[in-house]
Amino acid sequence: MFRITKEFHFSASHQLKSLPADHQCARLHGHNYVVEVELAGAELNEHGFVRDYHELSPLKRYIDESFDHRHLNDVLGHDRVTAECLAKHFYDWCKARLPETSAVRVSETPKTWAEYRP
């Protein structure tokens, strides 16, 4: 199996309102997010690619226009805006457009990652 990944970055705020009031994530706060998309294929196309990285440009536009410097609770329309939920959201968005999508990872901090991989 061949695998490729590409990384995207955005900054945004969120609030996890279901947590106890004394939990730091219950307060409005922000992160510099990293989204890593993985595509996989058993075979390469006629150019020797799983997929040309340039074909992931629509994801960059989507992130820049819809997520960057936004409040994620408003963007997604709910208050469960965790890295896990973001990974699933971006996986679904990518899978609908790039069938080779095999996983999405989201980081809120340099030491933490959440991944969605069916």
Protein backbone atom coordinates (compact mmCIF):
# COMPACT_ATOMS: atom_id res chain seq x y z
CA MET A 1 0.00 0.00 0.00
CA PHE A 2 1.27 3.45 -0.92
CA ARG A 3 0.51 6.30 1.49
CA ILE A 4 0.93 10.05 1.17
CA THR A 5 0.15 12.79 3.66
CA LYS A 6 -0.21 16.53 3.50
CA GLU A 7 -0.38 18.98 6.37
CA PHE A 8 -2.58 22.06 6.68
CA HIS A 9 -2.64 24.76 9.38
CA PHE A 10 -5.23 27.12 10.79
CA SER A 11 -5.90 29.11 13.96
CA ALA A 12 -9.31 29.14 15.59
CA SER A 13 -11.17 29.34 18.88
CA HIS A 14 -13.56 26.90 20.49
CA GLN A 15 -15.25 26.18 23.78
CA LEU A 16 -16.19 22.79 25.20
CA LYS A 17 -19.30 23.85 27.10
CA SER A 18 -20.21 20.36 28.34
CA LEU A 19 -17.13 20.21 30.58
CA PRO A 20 -17.24 21.34 34.22
CA ALA A 21 -16.89 25.11 34.63
CA ASP A 22 -13.49 24.74 36.31
CA HIS A 23 -12.03 22.77 33.37
CA GLN A 24 -9.69 24.95 31.29
CA CYS A 25 -11.28 23.82 28.02
CA ALA A 26 -14.73 24.95 29.19
CA ARG A 27 -13.49 28.52 28.80
CA LEU A 28 -13.28 30.19 25.42
CA HIS A 29 -9.77 29.55 24.07
CA GLY A 30 -7.91 28.95 20.83
CA HIS A 31 -5.35 26.73 19.16
CA ASN A 32 -3.02 26.68 16.20
CA TYR A 33 -4.42 23.56 14.58
CA VAL A 34 -2.58 21.14 12.32
CA VAL A 35 -4.62 18.89 10.02
CA GLU A 36 -2.83 15.97 8.39
CA VAL A 37 -4.65 14.14 5.59
CA GLU A 38 -3.50 10.67 4.55
CA LEU A 39 -4.35 9.12 1.20
CA ALA A 40 -3.61 5.50 0.33
CA GLY A 41 -3.70 3.30 -2.72
CA ALA A 42 -2.55 -0.16 -3.69
CA GLU A 43 -1.49 1.14 -7.10
CA LEU A 44 -0.10 4.39 -8.46
CA ASN A 45 -1.71 6.38 -11.25
CA GLU A 46 -0.13 6.88 -14.68
CA HIS A 47 2.09 9.64 -13.25
CA GLY A 48 3.39 7.53 -10.37
CA PHE A 49 1.21 9.20 -7.71
CA VAL A 50 -1.39 8.02 -5.24
CA ARG A 51 -2.80 11.48 -5.92
CA ASP A 52 -1.09 14.69 -7.05
CA TYR A 53 -0.62 16.89 -3.96
CA HIS A 54 -1.94 19.81 -6.00
CA GLU A 55 -5.33 18.09 -6.01
CA LEU A 56 -5.60 18.76 -2.28
CA SER A 57 -5.78 22.51 -2.92
CA PRO A 58 -9.58 22.55 -2.43
CA LEU A 59 -9.04 21.38 1.15
CA LYS A 60 -6.66 24.27 1.78
CA ARG A 61 -9.26 26.70 0.41
CA TYR A 62 -11.99 25.10 2.53
CA ILE A 63 -9.88 25.37 5.69
CA ASP A 64 -8.74 28.93 4.93
CA GLU A 65 -12.23 30.18 4.07
CA SER A 66 -14.32 28.28 6.62
CA PHE A 67 -12.10 27.54 9.63
CA ASP A 68 -9.13 29.90 9.86
CA HIS A 69 -9.60 32.63 12.49
CA ARG A 70 -13.17 31.51 13.21
CA HIS A 71 -15.04 30.24 16.27
CA LEU A 72 -15.41 26.52 15.60
CA ASN A 73 -18.59 26.12 17.65
CA ASP A 74 -20.24 28.50 15.16
CA VAL A 75 -18.64 26.88 12.11
CA LEU A 76 -19.73 23.35 13.00
CA GLY A 77 -22.97 24.35 14.72
CA HIS A 78 -22.43 22.42 17.96
CA ASP A 79 -20.40 22.50 21.16
CA ARG A 80 -18.50 19.19 20.82
CA VAL A 81 -15.69 20.77 18.83
CA THR A 82 -12.91 18.42 19.90
CA ALA A 83 -9.90 17.37 17.87
CA GLU A 84 -11.61 13.99 17.45
CA CYS A 85 -14.75 15.60 15.98
CA LEU A 86 -12.64 17.80 13.71
CA ALA A 87 -10.72 14.75 12.45
CA LYS A 88 -14.00 13.03 11.54
CA HIS A 89 -15.36 16.19 9.91
CA PHE A 90 -12.29 16.65 7.72
CA TYR A 91 -12.18 12.92 6.93
CA ASP A 92 -15.79 13.00 5.68
CA TRP A 93 -15.14 16.17 3.66
CA CYS A 94 -12.03 14.69 2.04
CA LYS A 95 -13.47 11.20 1.45
CA ALA A 96 -16.38 12.70 -0.50
CA ARG A 97 -13.90 14.40 -2.85
CA LEU A 98 -10.80 12.20 -2.67
CA PRO A 99 -11.76 8.52 -2.45
CA GLU A 100 -8.18 7.56 -1.55
CA THR A 101 -8.54 9.32 1.84
CA SER A 102 -7.62 6.79 4.52
CA ALA A 103 -7.19 8.90 7.67
CA VAL A 104 -7.15 12.41 9.06
CA ARG A 105 -5.22 13.57 12.11
CA VAL A 106 -5.79 16.83 13.97
CA SER A 107 -3.44 18.43 16.46
CA GLU A 108 -4.31 21.22 18.88
CA THR A 109 -0.89 21.31 20.50
CA PRO A 110 2.56 20.08 19.42
CA LYS A 111 2.25 17.08 21.75
CA THR A 112 -1.32 15.89 21.08
CA TRP A 113 -3.04 14.30 18.08
CA ALA A 114 -6.49 12.86 17.42
CA GLU A 115 -7.04 10.60 14.42
CA TYR A 116 -10.05 9.32 12.53
CA ARG A 117 -9.37 6.18 10.52
CA PRO A 118 -12.31 3.91 9.62
